[in-house]
Amino acid sequence: MEQKYTINGIERSFPAEFKVGTNWY
């Protein structure tokens, strides 16, 4: 999810939020 991408010649990475639980609710 946080790999780098080149957008309009500029390298960017985007932070992602992760949660671990027993169910989605």
PDB file of all heavy atoms in Angstrom:
ATOM      1  N   MET A   1       0.814  -1.217   0.000  1.00  0.00           N
ATOM      2  CA  MET A   1       0.000   0.000   0.000  1.00  0.00           C
ATOM      3  C   MET A   1       0.849   1.270   0.000  1.00  0.00           C
ATOM      4  O   MET A   1       0.443   2.291  -0.526  1.00  0.00           O
ATOM      5  CB  MET A   1      -0.944   0.026   1.202  1.00  0.00           C
ATOM      6  CG  MET A   1      -1.897  -1.159   1.279  1.00  0.00           C
ATOM      7  SD  MET A   1      -2.897  -1.443  -0.184  1.00  0.00           S
ATOM      8  CE  MET A   1      -3.901   0.007  -0.198  1.00  0.00           C
ATOM      9  N   GLU A   2       2.008   1.232   0.635  1.00  0.00           N
ATOM     10  CA  GLU A   2       2.812   2.446   0.781  1.00  0.00           C
ATOM     11  C   GLU A   2       3.992   2.503  -0.173  1.00  0.00           C
ATOM     12  O   GLU A   2       4.928   3.277   0.050  1.00  0.00           O
ATOM     13  CB  GLU A   2       3.272   2.588   2.239  1.00  0.00           C
ATOM     14  CG  GLU A   2       2.107   2.833   3.180  1.00  0.00           C
ATOM     15  CD  GLU A   2       2.514   3.063   4.619  1.00  0.00           C
ATOM     16  OE1 GLU A   2       3.687   2.836   4.974  1.00  0.00           O
ATOM     17  OE2 GLU A   2       1.639   3.488   5.395  1.00  0.00           O
ATOM     18  N   GLN A   3       3.933   1.727  -1.256  1.00  0.00           N
ATOM     19  CA  GLN A   3       5.027   1.792  -2.225  1.00  0.00           C
ATOM     20  C   GLN A   3       5.040   3.162  -2.905  1.00  0.00           C
ATOM     21  O   GLN A   3       4.053   3.881  -2.876  1.00  0.00           O
ATOM     22  CB  GLN A   3       4.901   0.664  -3.242  1.00  0.00           C
ATOM     23  CG  GLN A   3       3.698   0.771  -4.140  1.00  0.00           C
ATOM     24  CD  GLN A   3       3.586  -0.435  -5.047  1.00  0.00           C
ATOM     25  OE1 GLN A   3       4.394  -1.340  -5.014  1.00  0.00           O
ATOM     26  NE2 GLN A   3       2.561  -0.454  -5.862  1.00  0.00           N
ATOM     27  N   LYS A   4       6.142   3.503  -3.514  1.00  0.00           N
ATOM     28  CA  LYS A   4       6.279   4.809  -4.157  1.00  0.00           C
ATOM     29  C   LYS A   4       5.712   4.788  -5.574  1.00  0.00           C
ATOM     30  O   LYS A   4       5.832   3.799  -6.281  1.00  0.00           O
ATOM     31  CB  LYS A   4       7.741   5.233  -4.191  1.00  0.00           C
ATOM     32  CG  LYS A   4       8.265   5.492  -2.800  1.00  0.00           C
ATOM     33  CD  LYS A   4       9.675   5.983  -2.801  1.00  0.00           C
ATOM     34  CE  LYS A   4      10.075   6.070  -1.351  1.00  0.00           C
ATOM     35  NZ  LYS A   4      11.048   6.960  -1.022  1.00  0.00           N
ATOM     36  N   TYR A   5       5.099   5.897  -5.941  1.00  0.00           N
ATOM     37  CA  TYR A   5       4.539   6.086  -7.275  1.00  0.00           C
ATOM     38  C   TYR A   5       5.091   7.382  -7.839  1.00  0.00           C
ATOM     39  O   TYR A   5       5.335   8.337  -7.101  1.00  0.00           O
ATOM     40  CB  TYR A   5       3.007   6.180  -7.217  1.00  0.00           C
ATOM     41  CG  TYR A   5       2.356   4.906  -6.777  1.00  0.00           C
ATOM     42  CD1 TYR A   5       2.117   4.650  -5.436  1.00  0.00           C
ATOM     43  CD2 TYR A   5       2.009   3.941  -7.709  1.00  0.00           C
ATOM     44  CE1 TYR A   5       1.533   3.467  -5.036  1.00  0.00           C
ATOM     45  CE2 TYR A   5       1.419   2.751  -7.305  1.00  0.00           C
ATOM     46  CZ  TYR A   5       1.185   2.525  -5.968  1.00  0.00           C
ATOM     47  OH  TYR A   5       0.609   1.355  -5.575  1.00  0.00           O
ATOM     48  N   THR A   6       5.271   7.426  -9.152  1.00  0.00           N
ATOM     49  CA  THR A   6       5.705   8.651  -9.808  1.00  0.00           C
ATOM     50  C   THR A   6       4.488   9.294 -10.461  1.00  0.00           C
ATOM     51  O   THR A   6       3.814   8.689 -11.290  1.00  0.00           O
ATOM     52  CB  THR A   6       6.784   8.362 -10.865  1.00  0.00           C
ATOM     53  OG1 THR A   6       7.884   7.725 -10.217  1.00  0.00           O
ATOM     54  CG2 THR A   6       7.257   9.651 -11.523  1.00  0.00           C
ATOM     55  N   ILE A   7       4.205  10.510 -10.029  1.00  0.00           N
ATOM     56  CA  ILE A   7       3.052  11.259 -10.529  1.00  0.00           C
ATOM     57  C   ILE A   7       3.563  12.594 -11.041  1.00  0.00           C
ATOM     58  O   ILE A   7       4.170  13.360 -10.298  1.00  0.00           O
ATOM     59  CB  ILE A   7       2.008  11.471  -9.417  1.00  0.00           C
ATOM     60  CG1 ILE A   7       1.533  10.116  -8.888  1.00  0.00           C
ATOM     61  CG2 ILE A   7       0.837  12.304  -9.936  1.00  0.00           C
ATOM     62  CD1 ILE A   7       0.691  10.203  -7.646  1.00  0.00           C
ATOM     63  N   ASN A   8       3.345  12.843 -12.325  1.00  0.00           N
ATOM     64  CA  ASN A   8       3.830  14.073 -12.962  1.00  0.00           C
ATOM     65  C   ASN A   8       5.321  14.280 -12.718  1.00  0.00           C
ATOM     66  O   ASN A   8       5.775  15.387 -12.443  1.00  0.00           O
ATOM     67  CB  ASN A   8       3.039  15.286 -12.469  1.00  0.00           C
ATOM     68  CG  ASN A   8       1.607  15.259 -12.937  1.00  0.00           C
ATOM     69  OD1 ASN A   8       1.299  14.704 -13.980  1.00  0.00           O
ATOM     70  ND2 ASN A   8       0.721  15.843 -12.158  1.00  0.00           N
ATOM     71  N   GLY A   9       6.083  13.199 -12.790  1.00  0.00           N
ATOM     72  CA  GLY A   9       7.530  13.271 -12.646  1.00  0.00           C
ATOM     73  C   GLY A   9       8.022  13.391 -11.213  1.00  0.00           C
ATOM     74  O   GLY A   9       9.214  13.521 -10.976  1.00  0.00           O
ATOM     75  N   ILE A  10       7.117  13.344 -10.245  1.00  0.00           N
ATOM     76  CA  ILE A  10       7.499  13.462  -8.837  1.00  0.00           C
ATOM     77  C   ILE A  10       7.191  12.146  -8.132  1.00  0.00           C
ATOM     78  O   ILE A  10       6.089  11.629  -8.220  1.00  0.00           O
ATOM     79  CB  ILE A  10       6.725  14.620  -8.151  1.00  0.00           C
ATOM     80  CG1 ILE A  10       7.017  15.937  -8.858  1.00  0.00           C
ATOM     81  CG2 ILE A  10       7.094  14.708  -6.671  1.00  0.00           C
ATOM     82  CD1 ILE A  10       6.113  17.076  -8.426  1.00  0.00           C
ATOM     83  N   GLU A  11       8.190  11.618  -7.430  1.00  0.00           N
ATOM     84  CA  GLU A  11       7.999  10.368  -6.710  1.00  0.00           C
ATOM     85  C   GLU A  11       7.285  10.644  -5.392  1.00  0.00           C
ATOM     86  O   GLU A  11       7.680  11.527  -4.634  1.00  0.00           O
ATOM     87  CB  GLU A  11       9.350   9.702  -6.445  1.00  0.00           C
ATOM     88  CG  GLU A  11       9.224   8.272  -6.000  1.00  0.00           C
ATOM     89  CD  GLU A  11      10.558   7.578  -5.921  1.00  0.00           C
ATOM     90  OE1 GLU A  11      11.273   7.805  -4.927  1.00  0.00           O
ATOM     91  OE2 GLU A  11      10.881   6.819  -6.855  1.00  0.00           O
ATOM     92  N   ARG A  12       6.212   9.904  -5.150  1.00  0.00           N
ATOM     93  CA  ARG A  12       5.400  10.096  -3.949  1.00  0.00           C
ATOM     94  C   ARG A  12       5.084   8.740  -3.315  1.00  0.00           C
ATOM     95  O   ARG A  12       4.986   7.739  -4.009  1.00  0.00           O
ATOM     96  CB  ARG A  12       4.053  10.735  -4.302  1.00  0.00           C
ATOM     97  CG  ARG A  12       4.146  12.024  -5.013  1.00  0.00           C
ATOM     98  CD  ARG A  12       3.783  13.128  -4.070  1.00  0.00           C
ATOM     99  NE  ARG A  12       3.634  14.353  -4.846  1.00  0.00           N
ATOM    100  CZ  ARG A  12       4.192  15.467  -4.510  1.00  0.00           C
ATOM    101  NH1 ARG A  12       4.905  15.544  -3.430  1.00  0.00           N
ATOM    102  NH2 ARG A  12       4.026  16.542  -5.234  1.00  0.00           N
ATOM    103  N   SER A  13       4.919   8.755  -2.016  1.00  0.00           N
ATOM    104  CA  SER A  13       4.360   7.593  -1.329  1.00  0.00           C
ATOM    105  C   SER A  13       3.204   8.106  -0.484  1.00  0.00           C
ATOM    106  O   SER A  13       3.162   9.280  -0.111  1.00  0.00           O
ATOM    107  CB  SER A  13       5.412   6.893  -0.470  1.00  0.00           C
ATOM    108  OG  SER A  13       5.855   7.747   0.554  1.00  0.00           O
ATOM    109  N   PHE A  14       2.263   7.238  -0.220  1.00  0.00           N
ATOM    110  CA  PHE A  14       1.069   7.624   0.501  1.00  0.00           C
ATOM    111  C   PHE A  14       0.940   6.767   1.746  1.00  0.00           C
ATOM    112  O   PHE A  14       0.918   5.536   1.649  1.00  0.00           O
ATOM    113  CB  PHE A  14      -0.162   7.459  -0.397  1.00  0.00           C
ATOM    114  CG  PHE A  14      -0.093   8.303  -1.630  1.00  0.00           C
ATOM    115  CD1 PHE A  14       0.445   7.799  -2.800  1.00  0.00           C
ATOM    116  CD2 PHE A  14      -0.530   9.609  -1.614  1.00  0.00           C
ATOM    117  CE1 PHE A  14       0.542   8.584  -3.944  1.00  0.00           C
ATOM    118  CE2 PHE A  14      -0.436  10.404  -2.744  1.00  0.00           C
ATOM    119  CZ  PHE A  14       0.096   9.893  -3.910  1.00  0.00           C
ATOM    120  N   PRO A  15       0.848   7.384   2.907  1.00  0.00           N
ATOM    121  CA  PRO A  15       0.711   6.590   4.134  1.00  0.00           C
ATOM    122  C   PRO A  15      -0.645   5.898   4.180  1.00  0.00           C
ATOM    123  O   PRO A  15      -1.633   6.400   3.648  1.00  0.00           O
ATOM    124  CB  PRO A  15       0.837   7.636   5.250  1.00  0.00           C
ATOM    125  CG  PRO A  15       0.430   8.929   4.619  1.00  0.00           C
ATOM    126  CD  PRO A  15       0.831   8.822   3.170  1.00  0.00           C
ATOM    127  N   ALA A  16      -0.677   4.750   4.799  1.00  0.00           N
ATOM    128  CA  ALA A  16      -1.928   4.001   4.955  1.00  0.00           C
ATOM    129  C   ALA A  16      -2.100   3.672   6.435  1.00  0.00           C
ATOM    130  O   ALA A  16      -1.126   3.557   7.177  1.00  0.00           O
ATOM    131  CB  ALA A  16      -1.882   2.725   4.123  1.00  0.00           C
ATOM    132  N   GLU A  17      -3.334   3.556   6.848  1.00  0.00           N
ATOM    133  CA  GLU A  17      -3.653   3.210   8.228  1.00  0.00           C
ATOM    134  C   GLU A  17      -4.073   1.748   8.264  1.00  0.00           C
ATOM    135  O   GLU A  17      -4.826   1.293   7.406  1.00  0.00           O
ATOM    136  CB  GLU A  17      -4.802   4.092   8.710  1.00  0.00           C
ATOM    137  CG  GLU A  17      -5.211   3.837  10.131  1.00  0.00           C
ATOM    138  CD  GLU A  17      -6.357   4.736  10.553  1.00  0.00           C
ATOM    139  OE1 GLU A  17      -6.388   5.907  10.154  1.00  0.00           O
ATOM    140  OE2 GLU A  17      -7.238   4.227  11.262  1.00  0.00           O
ATOM    141  N   PHE A  18      -3.590   1.016   9.269  1.00  0.00           N
ATOM    142  CA  PHE A  18      -3.883  -0.403   9.381  1.00  0.00           C
ATOM    143  C   PHE A  18      -4.476  -0.703  10.740  1.00  0.00           C
ATOM    144  O   PHE A  18      -4.024  -0.170  11.748  1.00  0.00           O
ATOM    145  CB  PHE A  18      -2.603  -1.228   9.188  1.00  0.00           C
ATOM    146  CG  PHE A  18      -1.956  -0.990   7.865  1.00  0.00           C
ATOM    147  CD1 PHE A  18      -1.026   0.013   7.693  1.00  0.00           C
ATOM    148  CD2 PHE A  18      -2.312  -1.766   6.784  1.00  0.00           C
ATOM    149  CE1 PHE A  18      -0.453   0.254   6.469  1.00  0.00           C
ATOM    150  CE2 PHE A  18      -1.728  -1.534   5.542  1.00  0.00           C
ATOM    151  CZ  PHE A  18      -0.809  -0.530   5.384  1.00  0.00           C
ATOM    152  N   LYS A  19      -5.477  -1.540  10.738  1.00  0.00           N
ATOM    153  CA  LYS A  19      -6.095  -1.994  11.978  1.00  0.00           C
ATOM    154  C   LYS A  19      -6.197  -3.504  11.920  1.00  0.00           C
ATOM    155  O   LYS A  19      -6.419  -4.074  10.859  1.00  0.00           O
ATOM    156  CB  LYS A  19      -7.497  -1.402  12.133  1.00  0.00           C
ATOM    157  CG  LYS A  19      -7.509   0.098  12.287  1.00  0.00           C
ATOM    158  CD  LYS A  19      -8.926   0.589  12.437  1.00  0.00           C
ATOM    159  CE  LYS A  19      -8.953   2.102  12.514  1.00  0.00           C
ATOM    160  NZ  LYS A  19     -10.320   2.588  12.685  1.00  0.00           N
ATOM    161  N   VAL A  20      -6.045  -4.120  13.072  1.00  0.00           N
ATOM    162  CA  VAL A  20      -6.189  -5.558  13.180  1.00  0.00           C
ATOM    163  C   VAL A  20      -7.276  -5.816  14.207  1.00  0.00           C
ATOM    164  O   VAL A  20      -7.274  -5.234  15.287  1.00  0.00           O
ATOM    165  CB  VAL A  20      -4.858  -6.230  13.615  1.00  0.00           C
ATOM    166  CG1 VAL A  20      -5.046  -7.717  13.828  1.00  0.00           C
ATOM    167  CG2 VAL A  20      -3.768  -5.953  12.590  1.00  0.00           C
ATOM    168  N   GLY A  21      -8.224  -6.661  13.856  1.00  0.00           N
ATOM    169  CA  GLY A  21      -9.304  -6.985  14.779  1.00  0.00           C
ATOM    170  C   GLY A  21      -9.923  -8.312  14.435  1.00  0.00           C
ATOM    171  O   GLY A  21      -9.569  -8.948  13.437  1.00  0.00           O
ATOM    172  N   THR A  22     -10.870  -8.723  15.264  1.00  0.00           N
ATOM    173  CA  THR A  22     -11.519 -10.010  15.035  1.00  0.00           C
ATOM    174  C   THR A  22     -12.656  -9.908  14.040  1.00  0.00           C
ATOM    175  O   THR A  22     -13.086 -10.921  13.484  1.00  0.00           O
ATOM    176  CB  THR A  22     -12.044 -10.608  16.352  1.00  0.00           C
ATOM    177  OG1 THR A  22     -12.926  -9.664  16.958  1.00  0.00           O
ATOM    178  CG2 THR A  22     -10.897 -10.927  17.296  1.00  0.00           C
ATOM    179  N   ASN A  23     -13.163  -8.681  13.815  1.00  0.00           N
ATOM    180  CA  ASN A  23     -14.202  -8.475  12.816  1.00  0.00           C
ATOM    181  C   ASN A  23     -14.211  -7.011  12.396  1.00  0.00           C
ATOM    182  O   ASN A  23     -13.647  -6.150  13.072  1.00  0.00           O
ATOM    183  CB  ASN A  23     -15.584  -8.921  13.318  1.00  0.00           C
ATOM    184  CG  ASN A  23     -16.014  -8.159  14.546  1.00  0.00           C
ATOM    185  OD1 ASN A  23     -16.146  -6.942  14.527  1.00  0.00           O
ATOM    186  ND2 ASN A  23     -16.240  -8.881  15.633  1.00  0.00           N
ATOM    187  N   TRP A  24     -14.851  -6.734  11.288  1.00  0.00           N
ATOM    188  CA  TRP A  24     -14.862  -5.389  10.724  1.00  0.00           C
ATOM    189  C   TRP A  24     -15.595  -4.417  11.641  1.00  0.00           C
ATOM    190  O   TRP A  24     -15.192  -3.287  11.841  1.00  0.00           O
ATOM    191  CB  TRP A  24     -15.486  -5.417   9.335  1.00  0.00           C
ATOM    192  CG  TRP A  24     -15.198  -4.218   8.490  1.00  0.00           C
ATOM    193  CD1 TRP A  24     -14.463  -3.113   8.829  1.00  0.00           C
ATOM    194  CD2 TRP A  24     -15.617  -4.004   7.159  1.00  0.00           C
ATOM    195  NE1 TRP A  24     -14.409  -2.246   7.784  1.00  0.00           N
ATOM    196  CE2 TRP A  24     -15.119  -2.764   6.737  1.00  0.00           C
ATOM    197  CE3 TRP A  24     -16.376  -4.742   6.266  1.00  0.00           C
ATOM    198  CZ2 TRP A  24     -15.359  -2.242   5.486  1.00  0.00           C
ATOM    199  CZ3 TRP A  24     -16.597  -4.208   5.013  1.00  0.00           C
ATOM    200  CH2 TRP A  24     -16.099  -2.980   4.630  1.00  0.00           C
ATOM    201  N   TYR A  25     -16.681  -4.856  12.225  1.00  0.00           N
ATOM    202  CA  TYR A  25     -17.460  -4.001  13.111  1.00  0.00           C
ATOM    203  C   TYR A  25     -16.607  -3.508  14.273  1.00  0.00           C
ATOM    204  O   TYR A  25     -16.651  -2.337  14.634  1.00  0.00           O
ATOM    205  CB  TYR A  25     -18.697  -4.753  13.632  1.00  0.00           C
ATOM    206  CG  TYR A  25     -19.563  -3.902  14.516  1.00  0.00           C
ATOM    207  CD1 TYR A  25     -20.367  -2.897  13.970  1.00  0.00           C
ATOM    208  CD2 TYR A  25     -19.573  -4.076  15.892  1.00  0.00           C
ATOM    209  CE1 TYR A  25     -21.151  -2.104  14.771  1.00  0.00           C
ATOM    210  CE2 TYR A  25     -20.358  -3.285  16.702  1.00  0.00           C
ATOM    211  CZ  TYR A  25     -21.148  -2.302  16.142  1.00  0.00           C
ATOM    212  OH  TYR A  25     -21.914  -1.509  16.939  1.00  0.00           O
TER     213      TYR A  25
END
